[in-house]
Amino acid sequence: MDVAKQVVELGISQWSTMAEDWEQEAPQLMAAVSEALAAAPWGNGVEGLQFKTAHFNGGGPNQMLTQCAELTTQITDAGERLRTTVDNTLHANAVTYEDVTNGLKEI
């Protein structure tokens, strides 16, 4: 299997750039959602309280914000994990190729 390291490196670099941008933007977006929720625009009437109950059911937006923070970390970390995996794979392939080549020379 031949892996075009330059193509993979370009993809990982693009991923890392996107992840860094998202890591900077995500907290601001999550803060905006938190502020909107804190404003409680649904009001205190019966309909508003019913909406709030339904909206926050099962964790609602609070769970979404928690998951967003967790996913942001995973997205950011994925680039380096992938880079390490690719490097390890390329190294293993090179060692295997060398072993096979040396084995064929002996035949």
PDB file of N, CA and C in Angstrom:
ATOM      1  N   MET A   1       0.855  -1.173   0.000  1.00  0.00           N
ATOM      2  CA  MET A   1       0.000   0.000   0.000  1.00  0.00           C
ATOM      3  C   MET A   1       0.900   1.235   0.000  1.00  0.00           C
ATOM      4  N   ASP A   2       0.632   2.119  -0.913  1.00  0.00           N
ATOM      5  CA  ASP A   2       1.434   3.332  -1.022  1.00  0.00           C
ATOM      6  C   ASP A   2       0.593   4.514  -0.557  1.00  0.00           C
ATOM      7  N   VAL A   3       1.066   5.204   0.449  1.00  0.00           N
ATOM      8  CA  VAL A   3       0.361   6.368   0.978  1.00  0.00           C
ATOM      9  C   VAL A   3       1.109   7.615   0.532  1.00  0.00           C
ATOM     10  N   ALA A   4       0.394   8.511  -0.123  1.00  0.00           N
ATOM     11  CA  ALA A   4       1.004   9.771  -0.564  1.00  0.00           C
ATOM     12  C   ALA A   4       1.088  10.701   0.645  1.00  0.00           C
ATOM     13  N   LYS A   5       2.225  10.670   1.319  1.00  0.00           N
ATOM     14  CA  LYS A   5       2.395  11.412   2.573  1.00  0.00           C
ATOM     15  C   LYS A   5       2.105  12.901   2.407  1.00  0.00           C
ATOM     16  N   GLN A   6       2.509  13.490   1.290  1.00  0.00           N
ATOM     17  CA  GLN A   6       2.267  14.925   1.096  1.00  0.00           C
ATOM     18  C   GLN A   6       0.775  15.229   1.048  1.00  0.00           C
ATOM     19  N   VAL A   7       0.009  14.363   0.402  1.00  0.00           N
ATOM     20  CA  VAL A   7      -1.442  14.571   0.312  1.00  0.00           C
ATOM     21  C   VAL A   7      -2.067  14.434   1.694  1.00  0.00           C
ATOM     22  N   VAL A   8      -1.633  13.422   2.432  1.00  0.00           N
ATOM     23  CA  VAL A   8      -2.149  13.212   3.785  1.00  0.00           C
ATOM     24  C   VAL A   8      -1.773  14.390   4.681  1.00  0.00           C
ATOM     25  N   GLU A   9      -0.536  14.840   4.602  1.00  0.00           N
ATOM     26  CA  GLU A   9      -0.088  15.978   5.417  1.00  0.00           C
ATOM     27  C   GLU A   9      -0.898  17.239   5.106  1.00  0.00           C
ATOM     28  N   LEU A  10      -1.181  17.457   3.823  1.00  0.00           N
ATOM     29  CA  LEU A  10      -1.990  18.614   3.442  1.00  0.00           C
ATOM     30  C   LEU A  10      -3.378  18.518   4.066  1.00  0.00           C
ATOM     31  N   GLY A  11      -3.985  17.341   3.981  1.00  0.00           N
ATOM     32  CA  GLY A  11      -5.310  17.144   4.574  1.00  0.00           C
ATOM     33  C   GLY A  11      -5.307  17.357   6.071  1.00  0.00           C
ATOM     34  N   ILE A  12      -4.296  16.824   6.742  1.00  0.00           N
ATOM     35  CA  ILE A  12      -4.201  16.989   8.192  1.00  0.00           C
ATOM     36  C   ILE A  12      -3.967  18.455   8.548  1.00  0.00           C
ATOM     37  N   SER A  13      -3.156  19.149   7.774  1.00  0.00           N
ATOM     38  CA  SER A  13      -2.918  20.580   8.024  1.00  0.00           C
ATOM     39  C   SER A  13      -4.202  21.383   7.859  1.00  0.00           C
ATOM     40  N   GLN A  14      -4.968  21.053   6.826  1.00  0.00           N
ATOM     41  CA  GLN A  14      -6.246  21.739   6.622  1.00  0.00           C
ATOM     42  C   GLN A  14      -7.195  21.443   7.777  1.00  0.00           C
ATOM     43  N   TRP A  15      -7.219  20.194   8.224  1.00  0.00           N
ATOM     44  CA  TRP A  15      -8.061  19.815   9.363  1.00  0.00           C
ATOM     45  C   TRP A  15      -7.642  20.615  10.600  1.00  0.00           C
ATOM     46  N   SER A  16      -6.341  20.679  10.856  1.00  0.00           N
ATOM     47  CA  SER A  16      -5.844  21.383  12.036  1.00  0.00           C
ATOM     48  C   SER A  16      -6.187  22.867  11.995  1.00  0.00           C
ATOM     49  N   THR A  17      -6.087  23.468  10.818  1.00  0.00           N
ATOM     50  CA  THR A  17      -6.446  24.884  10.670  1.00  0.00           C
ATOM     51  C   THR A  17      -7.922  25.090  10.977  1.00  0.00           C
ATOM     52  N   MET A  18      -8.773  24.229  10.415  1.00  0.00           N
ATOM     53  CA  MET A  18     -10.209  24.318  10.672  1.00  0.00           C
ATOM     54  C   MET A  18     -10.493  24.130  12.159  1.00  0.00           C
ATOM     55  N   ALA A  19      -9.830  23.149  12.770  1.00  0.00           N
ATOM     56  CA  ALA A  19     -10.067  22.852  14.178  1.00  0.00           C
ATOM     57  C   ALA A  19      -9.646  24.018  15.071  1.00  0.00           C
ATOM     58  N   GLU A  20      -8.521  24.641  14.753  1.00  0.00           N
ATOM     59  CA  GLU A  20      -8.067  25.792  15.537  1.00  0.00           C
ATOM     60  C   GLU A  20      -9.052  26.955  15.413  1.00  0.00           C
ATOM     61  N   ASP A  21      -9.552  27.179  14.199  1.00  0.00           N
ATOM     62  CA  ASP A  21     -10.550  28.236  13.998  1.00  0.00           C
ATOM     63  C   ASP A  21     -11.807  27.937  14.810  1.00  0.00           C
ATOM     64  N   TRP A  22     -12.250  26.676  14.753  1.00  0.00           N
ATOM     65  CA  TRP A  22     -13.459  26.289  15.493  1.00  0.00           C
ATOM     66  C   TRP A  22     -13.226  26.410  16.995  1.00  0.00           C
ATOM     67  N   GLU A  23     -12.041  26.030  17.457  1.00  0.00           N
ATOM     68  CA  GLU A  23     -11.725  26.103  18.877  1.00  0.00           C
ATOM     69  C   GLU A  23     -11.806  27.547  19.384  1.00  0.00           C
ATOM     70  N   GLN A  24     -11.451  28.503  18.528  1.00  0.00           N
ATOM     71  CA  GLN A  24     -11.546  29.919  18.892  1.00  0.00           C
ATOM     72  C   GLN A  24     -12.989  30.423  18.854  1.00  0.00           C
ATOM     73  N   GLU A  25     -13.764  29.932  17.887  1.00  0.00           N
ATOM     74  CA  GLU A  25     -15.123  30.432  17.677  1.00  0.00           C
ATOM     75  C   GLU A  25     -16.158  29.774  18.589  1.00  0.00           C
ATOM     76  N   ALA A  26     -15.984  28.508  18.898  1.00  0.00           N
ATOM     77  CA  ALA A  26     -16.984  27.746  19.648  1.00  0.00           C
ATOM     78  C   ALA A  26     -17.349  28.374  20.997  1.00  0.00           C
ATOM     79  N   PRO A  27     -16.392  28.794  21.818  1.00  0.00           N
ATOM     80  CA  PRO A  27     -16.769  29.372  23.113  1.00  0.00           C
ATOM     81  C   PRO A  27     -17.662  30.611  22.976  1.00  0.00           C
ATOM     82  N   GLN A  28     -17.402  31.425  21.966  1.00  0.00           N
ATOM     83  CA  GLN A  28     -18.231  32.620  21.760  1.00  0.00           C
ATOM     84  C   GLN A  28     -19.656  32.225  21.377  1.00  0.00           C
ATOM     85  N   LEU A  29     -19.769  31.225  20.508  1.00  0.00           N
ATOM     86  CA  LEU A  29     -21.097  30.768  20.095  1.00  0.00           C
ATOM     87  C   LEU A  29     -21.843  30.125  21.259  1.00  0.00           C
ATOM     88  N   MET A  30     -21.137  29.332  22.050  1.00  0.00           N
ATOM     89  CA  MET A  30     -21.777  28.699  23.206  1.00  0.00           C
ATOM     90  C   MET A  30     -22.192  29.749  24.235  1.00  0.00           C
ATOM     91  N   ALA A  31     -21.387  30.781  24.404  1.00  0.00           N
ATOM     92  CA  ALA A  31     -21.742  31.862  25.328  1.00  0.00           C
ATOM     93  C   ALA A  31     -22.984  32.600  24.844  1.00  0.00           C
ATOM     94  N   ALA A  32     -23.091  32.806  23.534  1.00  0.00           N
ATOM     95  CA  ALA A  32     -24.273  33.480  22.981  1.00  0.00           C
ATOM     96  C   ALA A  32     -25.530  32.653  23.223  1.00  0.00           C
ATOM     97  N   VAL A  33     -25.423  31.342  23.066  1.00  0.00           N
ATOM     98  CA  VAL A  33     -26.576  30.469  23.329  1.00  0.00           C
ATOM     99  C   VAL A  33     -26.924  30.518  24.813  1.00  0.00           C
ATOM    100  N   SER A  34     -25.920  30.457  25.677  1.00  0.00           N
ATOM    101  CA  SER A  34     -26.163  30.518  27.123  1.00  0.00           C
ATOM    102  C   SER A  34     -26.840  31.825  27.522  1.00  0.00           C
ATOM    103  N   GLU A  35     -26.397  32.926  26.932  1.00  0.00           N
ATOM    104  CA  GLU A  35     -27.013  34.228  27.223  1.00  0.00           C
ATOM    105  C   GLU A  35     -28.461  34.259  26.768  1.00  0.00           C
ATOM    106  N   ALA A  36     -28.726  33.708  25.597  1.00  0.00           N
ATOM    107  CA  ALA A  36     -30.104  33.675  25.087  1.00  0.00           C
ATOM    108  C   ALA A  36     -30.987  32.828  25.998  1.00  0.00           C
ATOM    109  N   LEU A  37     -30.464  31.715  26.477  1.00  0.00           N
ATOM    110  CA  LEU A  37     -31.237  30.868  27.388  1.00  0.00           C
ATOM    111  C   LEU A  37     -31.474  31.572  28.720  1.00  0.00           C
ATOM    112  N   ALA A  38     -30.452  32.267  29.215  1.00  0.00           N
ATOM    113  CA  ALA A  38     -30.581  32.978  30.492  1.00  0.00           C
ATOM    114  C   ALA A  38     -31.619  34.092  30.412  1.00  0.00           C
ATOM    115  N   ALA A  39     -31.822  34.646  29.231  1.00  0.00           N
ATOM    116  CA  ALA A  39     -32.816  35.707  29.058  1.00  0.00           C
ATOM    117  C   ALA A  39     -34.237  35.171  29.185  1.00  0.00           C
ATOM    118  N   ALA A  40     -34.404  33.857  29.089  1.00  0.00           N
ATOM    119  CA  ALA A  40     -35.708  33.193  29.223  1.00  0.00           C
ATOM    120  C   ALA A  40     -36.793  33.900  28.412  1.00  0.00           C
ATOM    121  N   PRO A  41     -36.618  33.983  27.092  1.00  0.00           N
ATOM    122  CA  PRO A  41     -37.568  34.728  26.264  1.00  0.00           C
ATOM    123  C   PRO A  41     -38.960  34.108  26.193  1.00  0.00           C
ATOM    124  N   TRP A  42     -39.136  32.930  26.756  1.00  0.00           N
ATOM    125  CA  TRP A  42     -40.435  32.260  26.710  1.00  0.00           C
ATOM    126  C   TRP A  42     -41.404  32.813  27.735  1.00  0.00           C
ATOM    127  N   GLY A  43     -40.915  33.561  28.707  1.00  0.00           N
ATOM    128  CA  GLY A  43     -41.785  34.210  29.675  1.00  0.00           C
ATOM    129  C   GLY A  43     -42.242  33.274  30.787  1.00  0.00           C
ATOM    130  N   ASN A  44     -43.095  33.821  31.672  1.00  0.00           N
ATOM    131  CA  ASN A  44     -43.558  33.073  32.842  1.00  0.00           C
ATOM    132  C   ASN A  44     -44.996  32.614  32.732  1.00  0.00           C
ATOM    133  N   GLY A  45     -45.607  32.852  31.584  1.00  0.00           N
ATOM    134  CA  GLY A  45     -46.987  32.404  31.398  1.00  0.00           C
ATOM    135  C   GLY A  45     -47.052  30.888  31.268  1.00  0.00           C
ATOM    136  N   VAL A  46     -48.272  30.372  31.254  1.00  0.00           N
ATOM    137  CA  VAL A  46     -48.478  28.926  31.149  1.00  0.00           C
ATOM    138  C   VAL A  46     -47.818  28.376  29.884  1.00  0.00           C
ATOM    139  N   GLU A  47     -48.041  29.047  28.764  1.00  0.00           N
ATOM    140  CA  GLU A  47     -47.463  28.578  27.502  1.00  0.00           C
ATOM    141  C   GLU A  47     -45.935  28.620  27.546  1.00  0.00           C
ATOM    142  N   GLY A  48     -45.407  29.680  28.127  1.00  0.00           N
ATOM    143  CA  GLY A  48     -43.958  29.820  28.235  1.00  0.00           C
ATOM    144  C   GLY A  48     -43.343  28.732  29.101  1.00  0.00           C
ATOM    145  N   LEU A  49     -43.994  28.443  30.218  1.00  0.00           N
ATOM    146  CA  LEU A  49     -43.488  27.396  31.103  1.00  0.00           C
ATOM    147  C   LEU A  49     -43.589  26.021  30.446  1.00  0.00           C
ATOM    148  N   GLN A  50     -44.648  25.804  29.660  1.00  0.00           N
ATOM    149  CA  GLN A  50     -44.766  24.541  28.921  1.00  0.00           C
ATOM    150  C   GLN A  50     -43.646  24.426  27.884  1.00  0.00           C
ATOM    151  N   PHE A  51     -43.386  25.536  27.212  1.00  0.00           N
ATOM    152  CA  PHE A  51     -42.294  25.533  26.237  1.00  0.00           C
ATOM    153  C   PHE A  51     -40.966  25.229  26.926  1.00  0.00           C
ATOM    154  N   LYS A  52     -40.708  25.906  28.051  1.00  0.00           N
ATOM    155  CA  LYS A  52     -39.453  25.707  28.771  1.00  0.00           C
ATOM    156  C   LYS A  52     -39.304  24.250  29.194  1.00  0.00           C
ATOM    157  N   THR A  53     -40.374  23.673  29.715  1.00  0.00           N
ATOM    158  CA  THR A  53     -40.335  22.272  30.135  1.00  0.00           C
ATOM    159  C   THR A  53     -39.990  21.366  28.962  1.00  0.00           C
ATOM    160  N   ALA A  54     -40.635  21.588  27.830  1.00  0.00           N
ATOM    161  CA  ALA A  54     -40.367  20.766  26.643  1.00  0.00           C
ATOM    162  C   ALA A  54     -38.958  21.021  26.108  1.00  0.00           C
ATOM    163  N   HIS A  55     -38.563  22.276  26.103  1.00  0.00           N
ATOM    164  CA  HIS A  55     -37.266  22.666  25.542  1.00  0.00           C
ATOM    165  C   HIS A  55     -36.102  22.081  26.340  1.00  0.00           C
ATOM    166  N   PHE A  56     -36.235  22.039  27.658  1.00  0.00           N
ATOM    167  CA  PHE A  56     -35.158  21.548  28.511  1.00  0.00           C
ATOM    168  C   PHE A  56     -35.292  20.065  28.839  1.00  0.00           C
ATOM    169  N   ASN A  57     -36.297  19.408  28.286  1.00  0.00           N
ATOM    170  CA  ASN A  57     -36.506  17.979  28.509  1.00  0.00           C
ATOM    171  C   ASN A  57     -35.283  17.182  28.038  1.00  0.00           C
ATOM    172  N   GLY A  58     -34.846  16.245  28.844  1.00  0.00           N
ATOM    173  CA  GLY A  58     -33.713  15.408  28.458  1.00  0.00           C
ATOM    174  C   GLY A  58     -32.390  16.155  28.402  1.00  0.00           C
ATOM    175  N   GLY A  59     -32.296  17.247  29.089  1.00  0.00           N
ATOM    176  CA  GLY A  59     -31.049  18.014  29.086  1.00  0.00           C
ATOM    177  C   GLY A  59     -31.071  19.167  28.107  1.00  0.00           C
ATOM    178  N   GLY A  60     -31.894  19.029  27.057  1.00  0.00           N
ATOM    179  CA  GLY A  60     -32.092  20.095  26.084  1.00  0.00           C
ATOM    180  C   GLY A  60     -30.831  20.832  25.685  1.00  0.00           C
ATOM    181  N   PRO A  61     -30.903  22.151  25.667  1.00  0.00           N
ATOM    182  CA  PRO A  61     -29.768  22.946  25.199  1.00  0.00           C
ATOM    183  C   PRO A  61     -28.542  22.855  26.113  1.00  0.00           C
ATOM    184  N   ASN A  62     -28.752  22.568  27.383  1.00  0.00           N
ATOM    185  CA  ASN A  62     -27.587  22.429  28.274  1.00  0.00           C
ATOM    186  C   ASN A  62     -26.748  21.219  27.874  1.00  0.00           C
ATOM    187  N   GLN A  63     -27.430  20.128  27.528  1.00  0.00           N
ATOM    188  CA  GLN A  63     -26.711  18.942  27.059  1.00  0.00           C
ATOM    189  C   GLN A  63     -26.016  19.246  25.733  1.00  0.00           C
ATOM    190  N   MET A  64     -26.688  19.996  24.871  1.00  0.00           N
ATOM    191  CA  MET A  64     -26.088  20.373  23.590  1.00  0.00           C
ATOM    192  C   MET A  64     -24.800  21.170  23.815  1.00  0.00           C
ATOM    193  N   LEU A  65     -24.817  22.103  24.756  1.00  0.00           N
ATOM    194  CA  LEU A  65     -23.635  22.913  25.040  1.00  0.00           C
ATOM    195  C   LEU A  65     -22.496  22.055  25.595  1.00  0.00           C
ATOM    196  N   THR A  66     -22.827  21.110  26.461  1.00  0.00           N
ATOM    197  CA  THR A  66     -21.812  20.200  26.998  1.00  0.00           C
ATOM    198  C   THR A  66     -21.205  19.364  25.884  1.00  0.00           C
ATOM    199  N   GLN A  67     -22.063  18.819  25.021  1.00  0.00           N
ATOM    200  CA  GLN A  67     -21.573  18.008  23.907  1.00  0.00           C
ATOM    201  C   GLN A  67     -20.737  18.843  22.941  1.00  0.00           C
ATOM    202  N   CYS A  68     -21.120  20.074  22.738  1.00  0.00           N
ATOM    203  CA  CYS A  68     -20.362  20.955  21.848  1.00  0.00           C
ATOM    204  C   CYS A  68     -18.945  21.156  22.382  1.00  0.00           C
ATOM    205  N   ALA A  69     -18.825  21.382  23.670  1.00  0.00           N
ATOM    206  CA  ALA A  69     -17.498  21.560  24.276  1.00  0.00           C
ATOM    207  C   ALA A  69     -16.664  20.289  24.135  1.00  0.00           C
ATOM    208  N   GLU A  70     -17.288  19.139  24.376  1.00  0.00           N
ATOM    209  CA  GLU A  70     -16.566  17.866  24.257  1.00  0.00           C
ATOM    210  C   GLU A  70     -16.143  17.610  22.812  1.00  0.00           C
ATOM    211  N   LEU A  71     -17.045  17.852  21.871  1.00  0.00           N
ATOM    212  CA  LEU A  71     -16.727  17.638  20.459  1.00  0.00           C
ATOM    213  C   LEU A  71     -15.637  18.586  19.981  1.00  0.00           C
ATOM    214  N   THR A  72     -15.646  19.801  20.487  1.00  0.00           N
ATOM    215  CA  THR A  72     -14.607  20.766  20.116  1.00  0.00           C
ATOM    216  C   THR A  72     -13.231  20.223  20.491  1.00  0.00           C
ATOM    217  N   THR A  73     -13.124  19.662  21.682  1.00  0.00           N
ATOM    218  CA  THR A  73     -11.856  19.070  22.116  1.00  0.00           C
ATOM    219  C   THR A  73     -11.484  17.886  21.231  1.00  0.00           C
ATOM    220  N   GLN A  74     -12.450  17.035  20.936  1.00  0.00           N
ATOM    221  CA  GLN A  74     -12.176  15.861  20.098  1.00  0.00           C
ATOM    222  C   GLN A  74     -11.751  16.268  18.689  1.00  0.00           C
ATOM    223  N   ILE A  75     -12.410  17.266  18.136  1.00  0.00           N
ATOM    224  CA  ILE A  75     -12.072  17.740  16.786  1.00  0.00           C
ATOM    225  C   ILE A  75     -10.652  18.297  16.765  1.00  0.00           C
ATOM    226  N   THR A  76     -10.319  19.071  17.772  1.00  0.00           N
ATOM    227  CA  THR A  76      -8.986  19.670  17.841  1.00  0.00           C
ATOM    228  C   THR A  76      -7.904  18.606  18.005  1.00  0.00           C
ATOM    229  N   ASP A  77      -8.164  17.621  18.848  1.00  0.00           N
ATOM    230  CA  ASP A  77      -7.175  16.573  19.107  1.00  0.00           C
ATOM    231  C   ASP A  77      -7.040  15.580  17.958  1.00  0.00           C
ATOM    232  N   ALA A  78      -8.048  15.467  17.118  1.00  0.00           N
ATOM    233  CA  ALA A  78      -8.049  14.454  16.052  1.00  0.00           C
ATOM    234  C   ALA A  78      -6.897  14.639  15.071  1.00  0.00           C
ATOM    235  N   GLY A  79      -6.548  15.858  14.754  1.00  0.00           N
ATOM    236  CA  GLY A  79      -5.478  16.108  13.792  1.00  0.00           C
ATOM    237  C   GLY A  79      -4.154  15.505  14.228  1.00  0.00           C
ATOM    238  N   GLU A  80      -3.775  15.730  15.470  1.00  0.00           N
ATOM    239  CA  GLU A  80      -2.503  15.191  15.966  1.00  0.00           C
ATOM    240  C   GLU A  80      -2.552  13.673  16.089  1.00  0.00           C
ATOM    241  N   ARG A  81      -3.704  13.147  16.543  1.00  0.00           N
ATOM    242  CA  ARG A  81      -3.828  11.685  16.632  1.00  0.00           C
ATOM    243  C   ARG A  81      -3.697  11.061  15.251  1.00  0.00           C
ATOM    244  N   LEU A  82      -4.323  11.677  14.261  1.00  0.00           N
ATOM    245  CA  LEU A  82      -4.253  11.154  12.901  1.00  0.00           C
ATOM    246  C   LEU A  82      -2.831  11.252  12.352  1.00  0.00           C
ATOM    247  N   ARG A  83      -2.174  12.365  12.617  1.00  0.00           N
ATOM    248  CA  ARG A  83      -0.788  12.541  12.159  1.00  0.00           C
ATOM    249  C   ARG A  83       0.101  11.435  12.748  1.00  0.00           C
ATOM    250  N   THR A  84      -0.060  11.142  14.024  1.00  0.00           N
ATOM    251  CA  THR A  84       0.714  10.079  14.668  1.00  0.00           C
ATOM    252  C   THR A  84       0.394   8.722  14.051  1.00  0.00           C
ATOM    253  N   THR A  85      -0.886   8.462  13.814  1.00  0.00           N
ATOM    254  CA  THR A  85      -1.297   7.195  13.207  1.00  0.00           C
ATOM    255  C   THR A  85      -0.699   7.029  11.821  1.00  0.00           C
ATOM    256  N   VAL A  86      -0.745   8.078  11.020  1.00  0.00           N
ATOM    257  CA  VAL A  86      -0.181   8.015   9.665  1.00  0.00           C
ATOM    258  C   VAL A  86       1.324   7.774   9.733  1.00  0.00           C
ATOM    259  N   ASP A  87       2.015   8.501  10.596  1.00  0.00           N
ATOM    260  CA  ASP A  87       3.467   8.314  10.727  1.00  0.00           C
ATOM    261  C   ASP A  87       3.802   6.884  11.149  1.00  0.00           C
ATOM    262  N   ASN A  88       3.054   6.351  12.112  1.00  0.00           N
ATOM    263  CA  ASN A  88       3.289   4.975  12.557  1.00  0.00           C
ATOM    264  C   ASN A  88       3.015   3.974  11.434  1.00  0.00           C
ATOM    265  N   THR A  89       1.950   4.207  10.673  1.00  0.00           N
ATOM    266  CA  THR A  89       1.605   3.325   9.558  1.00  0.00           C
ATOM    267  C   THR A  89       2.685   3.358   8.489  1.00  0.00           C
ATOM    268  N   LEU A  90       3.144   4.551   8.143  1.00  0.00           N
ATOM    269  CA  LEU A  90       4.198   4.667   7.134  1.00  0.00           C
ATOM    270  C   LEU A  90       5.485   3.986   7.594  1.00  0.00           C
ATOM    271  N   HIS A  91       5.799   4.140   8.869  1.00  0.00           N
ATOM    272  CA  HIS A  91       6.996   3.482   9.405  1.00  0.00           C
ATOM    273  C   HIS A  91       6.839   1.960   9.336  1.00  0.00           C
ATOM    274  N   ALA A  92       5.681   1.450   9.745  1.00  0.00           N
ATOM    275  CA  ALA A  92       5.435   0.005   9.699  1.00  0.00           C
ATOM    276  C   ALA A  92       5.499  -0.509   8.264  1.00  0.00           C
ATOM    277  N   ASN A  93       4.938   0.250   7.325  1.00  0.00           N
ATOM    278  CA  ASN A  93       4.991  -0.149   5.915  1.00  0.00           C
ATOM    279  C   ASN A  93       6.430  -0.189   5.410  1.00  0.00           C
ATOM    280  N   ALA A  94       7.234   0.791   5.803  1.00  0.00           N
ATOM    281  CA  ALA A  94       8.635   0.829   5.366  1.00  0.00           C
ATOM    282  C   ALA A  94       9.403  -0.369   5.915  1.00  0.00           C
ATOM    283  N   VAL A  95       9.166  -0.702   7.174  1.00  0.00           N
ATOM    284  CA  VAL A  95       9.839  -1.849   7.789  1.00  0.00           C
ATOM    285  C   VAL A  95       9.407  -3.141   7.097  1.00  0.00           C
ATOM    286  N   THR A  96       8.118  -3.281   6.835  1.00  0.00           N
ATOM    287  CA  THR A  96       7.610  -4.473   6.147  1.00  0.00           C
ATOM    288  C   THR A  96       8.205  -4.574   4.752  1.00  0.00           C
ATOM    289  N   TYR A  97       8.251  -3.461   4.039  1.00  0.00           N
ATOM    290  CA  TYR A  97       8.822  -3.447   2.689  1.00  0.00           C
ATOM    291  C   TYR A  97      10.285  -3.887   2.726  1.00  0.00           C
ATOM    292  N   GLU A  98      11.019  -3.362   3.688  1.00  0.00           N
ATOM    293  CA  GLU A  98      12.436  -3.722   3.816  1.00  0.00           C
ATOM    294  C   GLU A  98      12.588  -5.213   4.126  1.00  0.00           C
ATOM    295  N   ASP A  99      11.745  -5.727   5.029  1.00  0.00           N
ATOM    296  CA  ASP A  99      11.803  -7.154   5.365  1.00  0.00           C
ATOM    297  C   ASP A  99      11.508  -8.021   4.144  1.00  0.00           C
ATOM    298  N   VAL A 100      10.487  -7.653   3.385  1.00  0.00           N
ATOM    299  CA  VAL A 100      10.116  -8.419   2.193  1.00  0.00           C
ATOM    300  C   VAL A 100      11.228  -8.333   1.153  1.00  0.00           C
ATOM    301  N   THR A 101      11.756  -7.138   0.950  1.00  0.00           N
ATOM    302  CA  THR A 101      12.833  -6.949  -0.029  1.00  0.00           C
ATOM    303  C   THR A 101      14.057  -7.782   0.349  1.00  0.00           C
ATOM    304  N   ASN A 102      14.434  -7.742   1.615  1.00  0.00           N
ATOM    305  CA  ASN A 102      15.581  -8.534   2.073  1.00  0.00           C
ATOM    306  C   ASN A 102      15.301 -10.028   1.954  1.00  0.00           C
ATOM    307  N   GLY A 103      14.067 -10.424   2.218  1.00  0.00           N
ATOM    308  CA  GLY A 103      13.689 -11.825   2.093  1.00  0.00           C
ATOM    309  C   GLY A 103      13.766 -12.303   0.661  1.00  0.00           C
ATOM    310  N   LEU A 104      13.374 -11.444  -0.283  1.00  0.00           N
ATOM    311  CA  LEU A 104      13.434 -11.817  -1.700  1.00  0.00           C
ATOM    312  C   LEU A 104      14.872 -11.925  -2.186  1.00  0.00           C
ATOM    313  N   LYS A 105      15.756 -11.105  -1.626  1.00  0.00           N
ATOM    314  CA  LYS A 105      17.168 -11.157  -2.014  1.00  0.00           C
ATOM    315  C   LYS A 105      17.794 -12.491  -1.611  1.00  0.00           C
ATOM    316  N   GLU A 106      17.298 -13.050  -0.521  1.00  0.00           N
ATOM    317  CA  GLU A 106      17.846 -14.309  -0.027  1.00  0.00           C
ATOM    318  C   GLU A 106      17.368 -15.500  -0.847  1.00  0.00           C
ATOM    319  N   ILE A 107      16.287 -15.327  -1.578  1.00  0.00           N
ATOM    320  CA  ILE A 107      15.722 -16.445  -2.347  1.00  0.00           C
ATOM    321  C   ILE A 107      16.481 -16.683  -3.596  1.00  0.00           C
TER     322      ILE A 107
END
